[in-house]
């Protein structure tokens, strides 16, 4: 009797070779930033200046697709390798700006990190010149992206001295928020910490990061900010770290800060 043809395709042998997944390729400037060598802006400048070689060839295109694991990259003749991941917290004083250099000659936050002999570090978020308190730095761009991703809703706690004596109704309105310049500004929580004769200290918690959010929110209610200090980010508190001083984060602190469900910078 003639055998019936098998309509099903032949099964692959379970030991058949599976095609290797190609290594991810990103723009060269991004690769240097992700490796913790420098900021992306600094990388772009170095590449355009002809200071970067890939597999021995000068590469002047910051967006040139590059495989960090499979290609040899050098800057100024020195081989590039992934820098040790560093995570630092600083108690930022008032009066300094959150930038690497300032065209107006103002003090920057990097002045206070010089004693650490760190590799290149970038601030994780910012505090404006008049604000003070907890500021994070790292060369781990993926970790920083998770912390600053709006989807993470990572709490940031501020202690704010205001020029008024608030009542319960005002605190409720601050929680309800306002729409200012097309943006809804509101606090996740607000409570009074203490008060004097003419002013009070509030604890304001935000779970989103809008530009000068607290100052704009309070200004909408004709409240002036006398001092603004970031006291905590997530579970990480400023504690007794002195103004202008820094310390490295522990492994547990780094892990606790990183939102588990936030998008990563792949």
Protein backbone atom coordinates (compact mmCIF):
# COMPACT_ATOMS: atom_id res chain seq x y z
CA UNK A 1 0.00 0.00 0.00
CA UNK A 2 1.31 3.43 -0.95
CA UNK A 3 2.27 5.59 2.07
CA UNK A 4 0.37 8.84 2.50
CA UNK A 5 2.45 11.99 2.27
CA UNK A 6 3.00 13.74 5.58
CA UNK A 7 1.35 17.20 5.38
CA UNK A 8 3.33 18.50 8.34
CA UNK A 9 6.83 19.94 7.89
CA UNK A 10 9.69 17.94 9.27
CA UNK A 11 10.55 18.81 12.86
CA UNK A 12 13.82 20.54 13.49
CA UNK A 13 16.28 18.62 15.53
CA UNK A 14 16.30 20.08 19.03
CA UNK A 15 20.06 20.56 18.81
CA UNK A 16 19.86 22.60 15.59
CA UNK A 17 21.97 25.72 15.65
CA UNK A 18 20.01 28.88 16.47
CA UNK A 19 21.14 32.04 14.76
CA UNK A 20 23.01 34.25 17.19
CA UNK A 21 21.24 37.46 18.13
CA UNK A 22 23.17 40.38 16.67
CA UNK A 23 24.83 42.69 19.17
CA UNK A 24 22.98 45.97 19.68
CA UNK A 25 24.43 48.89 17.75
CA UNK A 26 23.89 52.47 18.89
CA UNK A 27 25.25 55.79 17.74
CA UNK A 28 28.91 56.26 18.73
CA UNK A 29 28.23 59.27 20.97
CA UNK A 30 25.55 57.34 22.82
CA UNK A 31 27.87 54.37 23.23
CA UNK A 32 30.56 56.55 24.85
CA UNK A 33 27.93 58.05 27.18
CA UNK A 34 26.52 54.64 28.14
CA UNK A 35 30.03 53.39 28.88
CA UNK A 36 30.39 56.25 31.38
CA UNK A 37 33.27 57.89 29.51
CA UNK A 38 31.67 61.33 29.16
CA UNK A 39 28.37 63.03 28.47
CA UNK A 40 26.77 62.63 25.06
CA UNK A 41 27.42 66.30 24.30
CA UNK A 42 31.10 65.90 25.19
CA UNK A 43 31.26 62.72 23.10
CA UNK A 44 29.79 64.47 20.07
CA UNK A 45 32.39 67.24 20.34
CA UNK A 46 35.27 64.76 20.67
CA UNK A 47 34.04 62.72 17.69
CA UNK A 48 33.68 65.73 15.41
CA UNK A 49 37.17 66.88 16.45
CA UNK A 50 38.62 63.58 15.20
CA UNK A 51 39.69 62.37 18.65
CA UNK A 52 37.77 59.09 18.49
CA UNK A 53 38.75 55.98 16.55
CA UNK A 54 36.67 52.85 15.92
CA UNK A 55 38.68 49.78 14.92
CA UNK A 56 41.66 52.05 14.27
CA UNK A 57 39.78 54.42 11.94
CA UNK A 58 38.91 58.01 12.87
CA UNK A 59 35.13 58.35 13.09
CA UNK A 60 33.65 61.85 12.82
CA UNK A 61 29.96 60.90 12.78
CA UNK A 62 28.44 60.91 16.31
CA UNK A 63 25.55 58.76 15.01
CA UNK A 64 27.73 56.08 13.39
CA UNK A 65 26.30 52.66 14.40
CA UNK A 66 28.74 51.11 16.87
CA UNK A 67 28.92 47.81 18.73
CA UNK A 68 30.46 48.52 22.13
CA UNK A 69 31.25 44.85 22.72
CA UNK A 70 32.55 43.88 19.29
CA UNK A 71 34.51 46.93 18.16
CA UNK A 72 37.63 48.58 19.49
CA UNK A 73 37.03 52.22 20.49
CA UNK A 74 39.69 54.68 21.57
CA UNK A 75 39.68 58.34 22.58
CA UNK A 76 42.89 60.33 22.19
CA UNK A 77 44.68 57.04 21.59
CA UNK A 78 43.52 55.45 24.87
CA UNK A 79 41.34 52.33 24.65
CA UNK A 80 37.83 52.82 25.98
CA UNK A 81 36.38 50.36 28.45
CA UNK A 82 33.26 50.56 30.57
CA UNK A 83 33.99 52.76 33.56
CA UNK A 84 33.22 51.54 37.06
CA UNK A 85 29.66 52.50 37.93
CA UNK A 86 29.61 55.31 40.48
CA UNK A 87 26.59 56.63 42.40
CA UNK A 88 27.02 59.76 44.52
CA UNK A 89 24.74 61.99 46.58
CA UNK A 90 25.59 65.63 47.28
CA UNK A 91 24.07 68.13 49.69
CA UNK A 92 23.89 71.01 47.21
CA UNK A 93 24.25 74.46 48.78
CA UNK A 94 22.26 77.44 47.56
CA UNK A 95 23.98 79.69 45.04
CA UNK A 96 25.62 77.10 42.78
CA UNK A 97 24.27 75.89 39.45
CA UNK A 98 23.72 72.31 38.27
CA UNK A 99 26.03 72.32 35.27
CA UNK A 100 29.60 71.32 34.46
CA UNK A 101 30.64 74.87 33.54
CA UNK A 102 28.97 78.26 33.58
CA UNK A 103 29.56 81.04 31.07
CA UNK A 104 28.85 83.61 33.80
CA UNK A 105 31.54 82.23 36.09
CA UNK A 106 29.17 81.04 38.80
CA UNK A 107 30.10 78.18 41.11
CA UNK A 108 28.85 74.80 39.89
CA UNK A 109 27.96 71.63 41.75
CA UNK A 110 31.08 69.95 40.32
CA UNK A 111 33.22 72.18 42.53
CA UNK A 112 32.17 70.01 45.48
CA UNK A 113 32.96 66.69 43.76
CA UNK A 114 36.61 67.45 42.94
CA UNK A 115 37.91 65.75 46.07
CA UNK A 116 36.39 62.43 44.97
CA UNK A 117 38.60 61.91 41.90
CA UNK A 118 35.57 60.41 40.14
CA UNK A 119 35.20 59.48 36.48
CA UNK A 120 32.79 61.64 34.50
CA UNK A 121 29.45 61.91 36.35
CA UNK A 122 26.16 63.45 35.27
CA UNK A 123 23.50 64.89 37.58
CA UNK A 124 20.30 62.87 37.88
CA UNK A 125 17.76 65.64 37.47
CA UNK A 126 18.51 69.18 38.64
CA UNK A 127 18.11 71.72 41.40
CA UNK A 128 18.02 75.39 40.40
CA UNK A 129 20.51 77.92 41.74
CA UNK A 130 18.32 79.03 44.65
CA UNK A 131 17.42 75.49 45.72
CA UNK A 132 19.47 73.20 47.95
CA UNK A 133 19.62 69.67 49.26
CA UNK A 134 19.83 66.17 47.84
CA UNK A 135 21.27 65.88 44.33
CA UNK A 136 22.37 62.59 42.73
CA UNK A 137 25.20 61.97 40.25
CA UNK A 138 26.14 58.86 38.28
CA UNK A 139 27.84 57.58 35.14
CA UNK A 140 25.19 54.86 34.81
CA UNK A 141 22.92 56.39 32.17
CA UNK A 142 20.40 53.53 32.24
CA UNK A 143 19.94 53.86 36.03
CA UNK A 144 19.57 57.64 35.72
CA UNK A 145 16.98 57.22 32.95
CA UNK A 146 14.90 54.93 35.15
CA UNK A 147 14.92 57.44 37.99
CA UNK A 148 13.94 60.38 35.79
CA UNK A 149 11.37 58.50 33.70
CA UNK A 150 7.95 60.13 34.38
CA UNK A 151 6.44 56.63 34.44
CA UNK A 152 8.42 55.77 37.57
CA UNK A 153 6.49 58.27 39.75
CA UNK A 154 9.41 58.28 42.16
CA UNK A 155 8.57 60.42 45.20
CA UNK A 156 10.72 63.47 45.88
CA UNK A 157 10.31 65.14 49.27
CA UNK A 158 10.98 68.85 49.76
CA UNK A 159 11.07 71.07 52.85
CA UNK A 160 9.88 74.53 51.85
CA UNK A 161 9.87 77.72 53.92
CA UNK A 162 7.02 80.00 52.82
CA UNK A 163 6.13 83.59 53.66
CA UNK A 164 2.68 82.79 55.04
CA UNK A 165 0.92 80.82 57.77
CA UNK A 166 -1.15 78.24 55.87
CA UNK A 167 -4.48 76.83 57.00
CA UNK A 168 -6.04 73.47 56.17
CA UNK A 169 -7.96 74.92 53.22
CA UNK A 170 -4.76 76.23 51.58
CA UNK A 171 -3.00 72.89 52.00
CA UNK A 172 -5.97 71.16 50.38
CA UNK A 173 -5.87 73.56 47.41
CA UNK A 174 -2.15 72.85 46.95
CA UNK A 175 -2.95 69.14 46.76
CA UNK A 176 -5.76 69.79 44.27
CA UNK A 177 -3.41 71.89 42.14
CA UNK A 178 -3.83 74.48 39.41
CA UNK A 179 -3.31 74.76 35.67
CA UNK A 180 -0.48 77.18 34.90
CA UNK A 181 0.91 77.86 31.41
CA UNK A 182 -0.97 74.83 30.11
CA UNK A 183 0.44 72.45 32.75
CA UNK A 184 -1.35 71.00 35.73
CA UNK A 185 0.71 71.61 38.85
CA UNK A 186 -0.17 69.74 42.03
CA UNK A 187 1.52 68.19 45.04
CA UNK A 188 1.10 64.51 45.86
CA UNK A 189 1.01 65.48 49.53
CA UNK A 190 1.49 68.61 51.64
CA UNK A 191 1.76 69.00 55.38
CA UNK A 192 2.97 71.65 57.76
CA UNK A 193 6.18 70.87 59.60
CA UNK A 194 6.42 73.90 61.88
CA UNK A 195 5.60 77.60 61.98
CA UNK A 196 6.89 80.84 63.39
CA UNK A 197 5.23 84.21 63.78
CA UNK A 198 5.22 85.12 60.08
CA UNK A 199 6.24 82.06 58.08
CA UNK A 200 6.06 78.28 58.08
CA UNK A 201 7.87 75.20 56.83
CA UNK A 202 5.95 72.77 54.63
CA UNK A 203 6.79 69.24 53.55
CA UNK A 204 5.79 68.85 49.90
CA UNK A 205 6.02 65.52 48.08
CA UNK A 206 6.04 65.35 44.26
CA UNK A 207 5.90 62.23 42.12
CA UNK A 208 6.56 64.00 38.83
CA UNK A 209 9.24 66.41 37.69
CA UNK A 210 8.11 69.64 36.08
CA UNK A 211 10.36 72.67 35.75
CA UNK A 212 10.31 74.76 38.97
CA UNK A 213 7.09 72.98 39.90
CA UNK A 214 6.93 73.91 43.59
CA UNK A 215 7.79 77.56 43.04
CA UNK A 216 5.21 77.88 40.28
CA UNK A 217 2.54 76.06 42.28
CA UNK A 218 3.02 78.27 45.33
CA UNK A 219 3.23 81.44 43.23
CA UNK A 220 -0.21 80.61 41.82
CA UNK A 221 -1.52 81.15 45.36
CA UNK A 222 0.58 84.30 45.92
CA UNK A 223 2.97 82.42 48.21
CA UNK A 224 6.68 83.24 48.06
CA UNK A 225 9.35 80.61 48.66
CA UNK A 226 11.98 81.68 51.19
CA UNK A 227 13.97 78.42 51.11
CA UNK A 228 13.54 75.18 49.20
CA UNK A 229 15.45 72.04 50.19
CA UNK A 230 15.13 68.56 48.70
CA UNK A 231 15.17 66.23 51.68
CA UNK A 232 14.67 62.83 50.05
CA UNK A 233 14.39 60.95 46.77
CA UNK A 234 12.36 57.78 47.19
CA UNK A 235 13.69 56.04 50.29
CA UNK A 236 17.02 57.89 50.17
CA UNK A 237 17.10 60.73 52.72
CA UNK A 238 19.60 63.58 52.91
CA UNK A 239 20.09 62.82 56.60
CA UNK A 240 22.95 64.60 58.35
CA UNK A 241 25.13 65.05 55.26
CA UNK A 242 26.66 68.52 55.63
CA UNK A 243 26.23 71.24 53.00
CA UNK A 244 28.70 70.88 50.15
CA UNK A 245 29.59 67.32 51.20
CA UNK A 246 29.07 64.12 49.22
CA UNK A 247 29.05 60.40 49.83
CA UNK A 248 28.74 57.33 47.62
CA UNK A 249 25.56 55.29 47.73
CA UNK A 250 25.57 51.70 48.97
CA UNK A 251 24.52 48.85 46.69
CA UNK A 252 21.28 48.52 48.62
CA UNK A 253 20.51 52.24 48.20
CA UNK A 254 21.16 52.04 44.46
CA UNK A 255 18.86 49.01 44.13
CA UNK A 256 16.09 50.50 46.27
CA UNK A 257 16.01 53.71 44.24
CA UNK A 258 15.71 52.01 40.86
CA UNK A 259 12.02 51.62 39.90
CA UNK A 260 11.43 47.99 38.94
CA UNK A 261 8.86 48.71 36.25
CA UNK A 262 10.36 51.80 34.65
CA UNK A 263 11.67 51.76 31.10
CA UNK A 264 15.39 51.18 30.67
CA UNK A 265 17.72 53.00 28.30
CA UNK A 266 18.62 50.20 25.93
